[in-house]
Protein backbone atom coordinates (compact mmCIF):
# COMPACT_ATOMS: atom_id res chain seq x y z
CA MET A 1 0.00 0.00 0.00
CA GLY A 2 1.40 3.41 -0.99
CA ARG A 3 1.87 6.20 1.46
CA MET A 4 -0.73 8.92 1.71
CA PRO A 5 0.49 12.03 -0.19
CA VAL A 6 0.50 14.22 2.92
CA PHE A 7 1.88 17.36 1.33
CA ARG A 8 -0.59 17.11 -1.54
CA TRP A 9 -3.45 17.11 0.94
CA VAL A 10 -1.87 20.07 2.74
CA VAL A 11 -1.87 21.98 -0.55
CA VAL A 12 -5.49 21.00 -1.21
CA LEU A 13 -6.51 22.14 2.28
CA GLY A 14 -4.68 25.43 1.83
CA LEU A 15 -6.34 26.15 -1.51
CA LEU A 16 -9.72 25.20 0.01
CA LEU A 17 -9.24 27.71 2.85
CA VAL A 18 -8.32 30.43 0.35
CA THR A 19 -11.43 29.64 -1.71
CA VAL A 20 -13.64 29.77 1.40
CA SER A 21 -12.09 33.09 2.41
CA PHE A 22 -13.01 34.64 -0.93
CA GLY A 23 -16.52 33.23 -0.57
CA VAL A 24 -16.84 34.87 2.86
CA TRP A 25 -15.56 38.17 1.48
CA TRP A 26 -17.94 38.19 -1.50
CA ALA A 27 -20.88 37.40 0.80
CA THR A 28 -20.02 40.32 3.10
CA PRO A 29 -22.63 43.08 2.79
CA GLY A 30 -21.54 46.58 1.85
CA PHE A 31 -21.93 49.68 3.98
CA PRO A 32 -25.63 50.59 4.41
CA GLU A 33 -27.26 53.96 3.87
CA LEU A 34 -27.09 55.95 7.11
CA LYS A 35 -28.83 58.91 8.75
CA GLN A 36 -27.28 61.10 11.43
CA VAL A 37 -29.10 61.41 14.78
CA ASP A 38 -28.60 63.02 18.18
CA LEU A 39 -27.73 60.63 21.01
CA THR A 40 -28.60 61.14 24.66
CA VAL A 41 -25.83 59.42 26.59
CA LEU A 42 -27.24 57.64 29.65
CA ARG A 43 -24.01 56.06 30.90
CA GLU A 44 -20.44 56.42 29.70
CA GLU A 45 -17.10 54.78 30.51
CA PRO A 46 -13.73 56.56 30.20
CA ASP A 47 -12.93 54.60 27.01
CA GLY A 48 -16.12 55.88 25.32
CA THR A 49 -18.23 52.75 25.81
CA CYS A 50 -21.71 54.07 26.54
CA GLU A 51 -25.43 53.40 26.69
CA VAL A 52 -27.44 55.83 24.59
CA ARG A 53 -31.01 56.75 23.72
CA TRP A 54 -32.12 58.16 20.36
CA SER A 55 -35.32 59.05 18.56
CA ASP A 56 -36.06 56.71 15.68
CA PRO A 57 -36.34 58.98 12.60
CA PHE A 58 -38.35 56.34 10.73
CA ALA A 59 -40.86 55.41 13.44
CA SER A 60 -42.42 56.95 16.51
CA GLY A 61 -40.75 56.44 19.86
CA THR A 62 -37.22 56.15 21.16
CA ARG A 63 -34.68 53.36 21.32
CA GLU A 64 -31.79 52.49 23.59
CA GLY A 65 -28.61 50.60 22.91
CA SER A 66 -24.85 50.38 23.38
CA TYR A 67 -22.49 52.59 21.39
CA LEU A 68 -18.89 53.75 21.27
CA CYS A 69 -19.06 57.47 22.00
CA ASP A 70 -16.28 59.90 21.16
CA PRO A 71 -14.19 60.13 24.36
CA GLU A 72 -12.36 63.18 22.99
CA ARG A 73 -15.42 65.37 22.46
CA ASP A 74 -15.81 68.68 24.32
CA PRO A 75 -16.22 68.18 28.11
CA VAL A 76 -19.22 70.53 27.96
CA LEU A 77 -21.07 67.73 26.17
CA LYS A 78 -20.30 65.19 28.90
CA ALA A 79 -21.86 64.62 32.31
CA PRO A 80 -22.25 66.48 34.59
CA ALA A 81 -21.58 69.66 32.58
CA TYR A 82 -24.11 68.91 29.83
CA ARG A 83 -27.17 68.87 32.08
CA PRO A 84 -26.21 69.80 35.65
CA GLY A 85 -27.98 67.70 38.24
CA THR A 86 -28.20 64.67 35.93
CA ASP A 87 -25.86 61.99 34.57
CA LEU A 88 -26.89 62.70 30.97
CA ALA A 89 -24.50 63.65 28.18
CA TRP A 90 -24.68 64.15 24.41
CA ASP A 91 -23.06 62.77 21.28
CA THR A 92 -24.04 62.21 17.68
CA GLY A 93 -24.22 58.97 15.73
CA PHE A 94 -25.80 57.23 12.75
CA VAL A 95 -28.72 54.87 12.28
CA VAL A 96 -29.34 52.47 9.40
CA ALA A 97 -31.66 54.05 6.83
CA GLU A 98 -32.61 50.95 4.83
CA GLY A 99 -33.39 47.26 5.11
CA PRO A 100 -34.61 45.20 8.07
CA ASP A 101 -32.30 47.08 10.49
CA ARG A 102 -33.80 50.45 9.60
CA GLY A 103 -33.62 52.78 12.59
CA GLU A 104 -31.00 50.68 14.41
CA LEU A 105 -27.86 52.40 15.66
CA TYR A 106 -24.87 51.72 13.42
CA SER A 107 -21.26 51.35 14.54
CA LEU A 108 -18.26 50.41 12.42
CA GLU A 109 -16.78 48.58 15.41
CA GLN A 110 -19.88 46.36 15.66
CA ASP A 111 -20.46 45.90 11.94
CA ASP A 112 -20.90 42.25 10.90
CA GLY A 113 -19.25 43.03 7.57
CA SER A 114 -16.06 44.12 9.31
CA ARG A 115 -16.09 40.94 11.39
CA ALA A 116 -16.60 38.81 8.29
CA THR A 117 -13.66 40.55 6.63
CA VAL A 118 -11.46 39.70 9.61
CA VAL A 119 -12.54 36.04 9.28
CA SER A 120 -11.76 36.18 5.56
CA ASP A 121 -8.29 37.62 6.26
CA VAL A 122 -7.54 34.86 8.79
CA LEU A 123 -8.69 32.14 6.39
CA VAL A 124 -6.70 33.43 3.44
CA THR A 125 -3.55 33.85 5.54
CA ALA A 126 -3.82 30.29 6.88
CA GLY A 127 -4.68 28.97 3.41
CA VAL A 128 -1.71 30.61 1.69
CA LEU A 129 0.63 29.46 4.46
CA LEU A 130 -0.58 25.85 4.18
CA THR A 131 -0.28 25.98 0.39
CA LEU A 132 3.30 27.21 0.57
CA VAL A 133 4.25 24.62 3.21
CA GLY A 134 2.62 21.80 1.24
CA ALA A 135 4.19 22.85 -2.05
CA MET A 136 7.69 23.25 -0.63
CA GLY A 137 7.40 20.06 1.42
CA GLY A 138 6.25 18.15 -1.62
CA THR A 139 9.16 19.51 -3.64
CA VAL A 140 11.71 18.41 -1.04
CA ARG A 141 10.12 14.97 -0.70
CA SER A 142 10.02 14.49 -4.47
CA ALA A 143 13.65 15.56 -4.79
CA THR A 144 14.72 12.91 -2.28
CA ARG A 145 12.78 10.10 -3.98
CA THR A 146 13.11 10.84 -7.70
CA SER A 147 15.70 12.01 -10.15
CA GLY A 148 16.12 12.95 -13.78
CA VAL A 149 13.20 13.87 -16.01
CA ARG A 150 10.53 12.78 -13.52
CA ALA A 151 12.01 15.01 -10.84
CA GLY A 152 12.10 17.92 -13.27
CA VAL A 153 8.42 17.43 -14.11
CA LEU A 154 7.53 17.33 -10.40
CA HIS A 155 9.57 20.45 -9.69
CA ARG A 156 7.81 22.32 -12.48
CA ALA A 157 4.43 21.26 -11.06
CA GLU A 158 5.44 22.41 -7.58
CA ARG A 159 6.67 25.74 -8.99
CA ASP A 160 3.31 26.18 -10.70
CA VAL A 161 1.56 25.62 -7.36
CA LEU A 162 3.88 28.13 -5.69
CA ARG A 163 3.16 30.69 -8.38
CA ARG A 164 -0.58 30.18 -7.94
CA ALA A 165 -0.21 30.52 -4.18
CA GLU A 166 1.74 33.75 -4.64
CA ARG A 167 -0.97 35.13 -6.93
CA LEU A 168 -3.60 34.19 -4.34
CA ARG A 169 -1.57 35.93 -1.63
CA GLU A 170 -1.32 39.10 -3.74
CA ALA A 171 -5.06 38.97 -4.46
CA ALA A 172 -5.80 38.53 -0.76
CA GLU A 173 -3.63 41.54 0.11
CA GLN A 174 -5.48 43.61 -2.48
CA VAL A 175 -8.87 42.55 -1.08
CA SER A 176 -7.77 43.39 2.46
CA GLY A 177 -6.38 46.73 1.29
CA ASP A 178 -9.62 47.56 -0.53
CA HIS A 179 -11.63 46.93 2.64
CA GLU A 180 -9.27 49.04 4.77
CA ARG A 181 -9.54 51.89 2.26
CA ALA A 182 -13.34 51.60 2.30
CA VAL A 183 -13.43 51.77 6.11
CA ARG A 184 -11.06 54.76 6.04
CA ALA A 185 -13.29 56.50 3.48
CA VAL A 186 -16.35 55.98 5.70
CA ARG A 187 -14.52 57.34 8.74
CA ASP A 188 -13.23 60.33 6.75
CA ALA A 189 -16.79 61.05 5.59
CA TRP A 190 -18.16 60.79 9.14
CA GLU A 191 -15.61 63.06 10.83
CA PRO A 192 -16.74 66.39 9.29
CA LEU A 193 -20.39 65.48 9.93
CA HIS A 194 -19.58 64.70 13.56
CA ARG A 195 -17.61 67.94 13.99
CA GLU A 196 -20.40 70.00 12.43
CA ALA A 197 -23.02 68.41 14.70
CA VAL A 198 -20.84 69.09 17.75
CA ARG A 199 -20.33 72.74 16.74
CA GLU A 200 -24.06 73.16 16.19
CA ARG A 201 -24.87 71.65 19.58
CA LEU A 202 -22.27 73.81 21.34
CA GLY A 203 -23.63 76.89 19.59
CA ARG A 204 -27.12 76.22 20.98
CA MET A 205 -25.93 75.77 24.55
CA PRO A 206 -26.06 78.77 26.91
CA ALA A 207 -22.75 80.16 28.06
CA VAL A 208 -21.79 79.05 31.57
CA PRO A 209 -19.93 81.81 33.51
CA SER A 210 -16.76 80.79 35.27
CA ARG A 211 -16.46 80.97 39.06
CA TRP A 212 -14.01 83.87 38.74
CA ALA A 213 -16.41 85.88 36.58
CA ALA A 214 -19.31 85.12 38.91
CA GLY A 215 -17.43 86.62 41.86
CA LEU A 216 -16.86 90.01 40.19
């Protein structure tokens, strides 16, 4: 009975993982349409983790949920300065404007698409690594057991596998880079909207005199 071609199965497993990773990536939903809303911050941690309430712009009533507030926003918008005598604060965020999640608070950090992309990156990295290990291991094993023309044919086949693995690695890097650029573009688009909403909110707040000015 012949030995099981271990390295060949390693290559097959690696290519399978790469294929699955691309399937996961293609199935990842794109960024949804969003609408900016005011958030009443009910509780907030120093790292920005908070519980918020917002008015659903697409239905009557309010909703509550967890969110990652901006910990660097103006202290005037945080408790207790925002509404003295309460623990309430203010921030701005976005809700989904389409689909079954319409009206739900949206966060890049909690986006399922971002999580799926991380899974895809892990799969493609493991797949390419296994493919390279299997191809190189198979080449070494073939070189120790064969010689002449047959060895040359095997080496050419292994080199073809290595070239395909390298192309898959480059494609995976491009996919990962495209996603990172998309996330950066979304963040860059959000930042001016967030700053404008903060300026507008600060402009509507009454001026609070300092203790020094109050004693004059």
